Amino acid sequence: MQIPDRIKDELLLAKMHGLKFKEWMVMKRYLLRVLPSQMRTYFSTRDSYTKQQHLNEFENELVKYYYSQTSNILRLPHD
């Protein structure tokens, strides 16, 4: 799945401002706050019964992209 340029730009901007994400959920919250609402549809929602997060295909690609850009491994839910 292709990562939109707007999301890549926001991650680059965060990196330029010295933000270093260590956990997936922190990075996800940051992106959900800075992106327009129509781009939020790329992200998964938590399970309504268990309330746990499960990464979708897009989010897995985003984690890999972040690692390729920063060499930081994000701590994922349930790690």
N, C-alpha and C. Protein backbone atom coordinates (compact mmCIF):
# COMPACT_ATOMS: atom_id res chain seq x y z
N MET A 1 0.85 -1.19 0.00
CA MET A 1 0.00 0.00 0.00
C MET A 1 0.89 1.24 0.00
N GLN A 2 0.53 2.19 -0.80
CA GLN A 2 1.28 3.43 -0.97
C GLN A 2 0.99 4.40 0.19
N ILE A 3 2.04 5.00 0.74
CA ILE A 3 1.87 5.99 1.80
C ILE A 3 1.74 7.37 1.14
N PRO A 4 0.67 8.10 1.43
CA PRO A 4 0.47 9.42 0.82
C PRO A 4 1.60 10.38 1.18
N ASP A 5 1.92 11.26 0.25
CA ASP A 5 3.00 12.23 0.45
C ASP A 5 2.74 13.12 1.66
N ARG A 6 1.49 13.44 1.92
CA ARG A 6 1.17 14.32 3.06
C ARG A 6 1.62 13.68 4.37
N ILE A 7 1.44 12.38 4.50
CA ILE A 7 1.85 11.70 5.72
C ILE A 7 3.37 11.65 5.82
N LYS A 8 4.02 11.39 4.70
CA LYS A 8 5.49 11.41 4.69
C LYS A 8 6.01 12.79 5.07
N ASP A 9 5.36 13.83 4.55
CA ASP A 9 5.77 15.20 4.87
C ASP A 9 5.61 15.51 6.36
N GLU A 10 4.52 15.04 6.95
CA GLU A 10 4.30 15.28 8.38
C GLU A 10 5.34 14.56 9.23
N LEU A 11 5.72 13.35 8.83
CA LEU A 11 6.76 12.63 9.56
C LEU A 11 8.11 13.32 9.42
N LEU A 12 8.40 13.84 8.24
CA LEU A 12 9.65 14.57 8.02
C LEU A 12 9.67 15.85 8.85
N LEU A 13 8.55 16.54 8.89
CA LEU A 13 8.44 17.76 9.68
C LEU A 13 8.64 17.46 11.17
N ALA A 14 8.05 16.38 11.64
CA ALA A 14 8.23 15.99 13.05
C ALA A 14 9.69 15.68 13.33
N LYS A 15 10.35 15.01 12.40
CA LYS A 15 11.76 14.68 12.55
C LYS A 15 12.61 15.95 12.58
N MET A 16 12.28 16.91 11.73
CA MET A 16 13.03 18.17 11.68
C MET A 16 12.88 18.96 12.98
N HIS A 17 11.74 18.80 13.65
CA HIS A 17 11.49 19.50 14.91
C HIS A 17 12.00 18.71 16.11
N GLY A 18 12.66 17.59 15.85
CA GLY A 18 13.28 16.82 16.92
C GLY A 18 12.38 15.81 17.60
N LEU A 19 11.21 15.54 17.03
CA LEU A 19 10.34 14.52 17.62
C LEU A 19 10.84 13.13 17.22
N LYS A 20 11.10 12.32 18.20
CA LYS A 20 11.53 10.94 17.95
C LYS A 20 10.52 10.02 18.61
N PHE A 21 9.80 9.32 17.81
CA PHE A 21 8.77 8.43 18.32
C PHE A 21 9.38 7.08 18.69
N LYS A 22 8.97 6.57 19.84
CA LYS A 22 9.42 5.25 20.28
C LYS A 22 8.27 4.25 20.28
N GLU A 23 7.05 4.76 20.35
CA GLU A 23 5.88 3.89 20.39
C GLU A 23 4.95 4.22 19.23
N TRP A 24 4.37 3.18 18.66
CA TRP A 24 3.46 3.35 17.54
C TRP A 24 2.27 4.23 17.91
N MET A 25 1.69 4.01 19.08
CA MET A 25 0.48 4.75 19.45
C MET A 25 0.75 6.25 19.60
N VAL A 26 1.92 6.61 20.04
CA VAL A 26 2.27 8.04 20.17
C VAL A 26 2.36 8.66 18.77
N MET A 27 3.02 7.94 17.86
CA MET A 27 3.14 8.45 16.49
C MET A 27 1.77 8.51 15.83
N LYS A 28 0.93 7.51 16.05
CA LYS A 28 -0.40 7.49 15.46
C LYS A 28 -1.23 8.68 15.97
N ARG A 29 -1.18 8.94 17.27
CA ARG A 29 -1.93 10.07 17.83
C ARG A 29 -1.45 11.39 17.23
N TYR A 30 -0.14 11.52 17.08
CA TYR A 30 0.42 12.73 16.48
C TYR A 30 -0.13 12.91 15.07
N LEU A 31 -0.07 11.86 14.27
CA LEU A 31 -0.54 11.95 12.89
C LEU A 31 -2.04 12.24 12.81
N LEU A 32 -2.81 11.61 13.67
CA LEU A 32 -4.25 11.84 13.65
C LEU A 32 -4.60 13.29 14.00
N ARG A 33 -3.76 13.93 14.79
CA ARG A 33 -4.02 15.33 15.16
C ARG A 33 -3.61 16.31 14.06
N VAL A 34 -2.56 16.00 13.32
CA VAL A 34 -2.06 16.96 12.33
C VAL A 34 -2.63 16.76 10.93
N LEU A 35 -3.17 15.58 10.68
CA LEU A 35 -3.69 15.30 9.33
C LEU A 35 -5.15 15.74 9.20
N PRO A 36 -5.55 16.10 7.99
CA PRO A 36 -6.97 16.41 7.77
C PRO A 36 -7.84 15.17 8.01
N SER A 37 -9.07 15.41 8.38
CA SER A 37 -9.95 14.31 8.77
C SER A 37 -10.13 13.26 7.68
N GLN A 38 -10.13 13.63 6.42
CA GLN A 38 -10.33 12.64 5.36
C GLN A 38 -9.15 11.66 5.26
N MET A 39 -7.99 12.02 5.80
CA MET A 39 -6.84 11.11 5.76
C MET A 39 -6.84 10.14 6.95
N ARG A 40 -7.68 10.37 7.90
CA ARG A 40 -7.75 9.49 9.07
C ARG A 40 -8.32 8.12 8.73
N THR A 41 -8.95 8.01 7.58
CA THR A 41 -9.55 6.73 7.18
C THR A 41 -8.49 5.67 6.89
N TYR A 42 -7.24 6.07 6.70
CA TYR A 42 -6.17 5.10 6.48
C TYR A 42 -5.88 4.28 7.72
N PHE A 43 -6.17 4.85 8.88
CA PHE A 43 -5.78 4.24 10.14
C PHE A 43 -6.87 3.33 10.69
N SER A 44 -6.43 2.30 11.40
CA SER A 44 -7.38 1.36 11.99
C SER A 44 -8.00 1.95 13.25
N THR A 45 -9.10 1.36 13.64
CA THR A 45 -9.74 1.72 14.91
C THR A 45 -9.57 0.55 15.85
N ARG A 46 -9.77 0.80 17.12
CA ARG A 46 -9.60 -0.30 18.07
C ARG A 46 -10.84 -1.20 18.05
N ASP A 47 -10.63 -2.42 18.46
CA ASP A 47 -11.71 -3.39 18.52
C ASP A 47 -12.74 -2.92 19.53
N SER A 48 -13.99 -2.91 19.15
CA SER A 48 -15.04 -2.37 20.03
C SER A 48 -15.29 -3.25 21.26
N TYR A 49 -14.98 -4.51 21.15
CA TYR A 49 -15.21 -5.42 22.28
C TYR A 49 -14.00 -5.48 23.21
N THR A 50 -12.81 -5.73 22.65
CA THR A 50 -11.61 -5.89 23.48
C THR A 50 -10.90 -4.57 23.76
N LYS A 51 -11.20 -3.54 22.97
CA LYS A 51 -10.58 -2.21 23.09
C LYS A 51 -9.09 -2.24 22.76
N GLN A 52 -8.63 -3.26 22.06
CA GLN A 52 -7.22 -3.37 21.71
C GLN A 52 -6.99 -2.89 20.28
N GLN A 53 -5.78 -2.38 20.06
CA GLN A 53 -5.39 -1.90 18.75
C GLN A 53 -4.83 -3.05 17.92
N HIS A 54 -5.17 -3.07 16.65
CA HIS A 54 -4.61 -4.02 15.70
C HIS A 54 -4.21 -3.23 14.47
N LEU A 55 -2.96 -3.35 14.08
CA LEU A 55 -2.46 -2.62 12.92
C LEU A 55 -3.02 -3.20 11.63
N ASN A 56 -3.39 -2.30 10.72
CA ASN A 56 -3.82 -2.76 9.40
C ASN A 56 -2.63 -2.73 8.45
N GLU A 57 -2.84 -3.07 7.20
CA GLU A 57 -1.76 -3.14 6.22
C GLU A 57 -1.07 -1.79 6.04
N PHE A 58 -1.84 -0.73 5.98
CA PHE A 58 -1.28 0.61 5.82
C PHE A 58 -0.38 0.96 7.00
N GLU A 59 -0.83 0.68 8.20
CA GLU A 59 -0.05 1.03 9.38
C GLU A 59 1.24 0.22 9.46
N ASN A 60 1.20 -1.03 9.04
CA ASN A 60 2.43 -1.83 8.99
C ASN A 60 3.43 -1.21 8.01
N GLU A 61 2.94 -0.77 6.87
CA GLU A 61 3.82 -0.10 5.90
C GLU A 61 4.39 1.20 6.46
N LEU A 62 3.59 1.91 7.20
CA LEU A 62 4.02 3.17 7.81
C LEU A 62 5.11 2.93 8.85
N VAL A 63 4.98 1.87 9.64
CA VAL A 63 6.00 1.51 10.62
C VAL A 63 7.31 1.17 9.91
N LYS A 64 7.24 0.42 8.82
CA LYS A 64 8.43 0.07 8.05
C LYS A 64 9.06 1.32 7.43
N TYR A 65 8.23 2.21 6.91
CA TYR A 65 8.74 3.46 6.33
C TYR A 65 9.45 4.30 7.39
N TYR A 66 8.85 4.41 8.57
CA TYR A 66 9.46 5.18 9.65
C TYR A 66 10.82 4.59 10.03
N TYR A 67 10.90 3.29 10.09
CA TYR A 67 12.17 2.64 10.39
C TYR A 67 13.21 2.92 9.31
N SER A 68 12.80 2.88 8.05
CA SER A 68 13.74 3.13 6.95
C SER A 68 14.25 4.56 6.96
N GLN A 69 13.46 5.49 7.48
CA GLN A 69 13.87 6.89 7.51
C GLN A 69 14.67 7.27 8.76
N THR A 70 14.41 6.58 9.88
CA THR A 70 15.00 7.00 11.14
C THR A 70 15.84 5.93 11.84
N SER A 71 15.74 4.69 11.42
CA SER A 71 16.38 3.55 12.09
C SER A 71 15.86 3.34 13.51
N ASN A 72 14.71 3.91 13.83
CA ASN A 72 14.07 3.70 15.12
C ASN A 72 12.99 2.64 14.99
N ILE A 73 13.04 1.66 15.88
CA ILE A 73 12.03 0.62 15.89
C ILE A 73 10.92 1.07 16.83
N LEU A 74 9.71 1.14 16.31
CA LEU A 74 8.57 1.54 17.12
C LEU A 74 8.05 0.37 17.93
N ARG A 75 7.73 0.65 19.18
CA ARG A 75 7.11 -0.38 20.02
C ARG A 75 5.65 -0.46 19.62
N LEU A 76 5.22 -1.64 19.25
CA LEU A 76 3.86 -1.86 18.77
C LEU A 76 2.97 -2.29 19.92
N PRO A 77 1.65 -2.15 19.76
CA PRO A 77 0.74 -2.65 20.80
C PRO A 77 0.98 -4.15 21.03
N HIS A 78 0.92 -4.57 22.24
CA HIS A 78 1.06 -5.96 22.64
C HIS A 78 2.51 -6.45 22.56
N ASP A 79 3.47 -5.52 22.50
CA ASP A 79 4.90 -5.92 22.52
C ASP A 79 5.41 -5.91 23.94
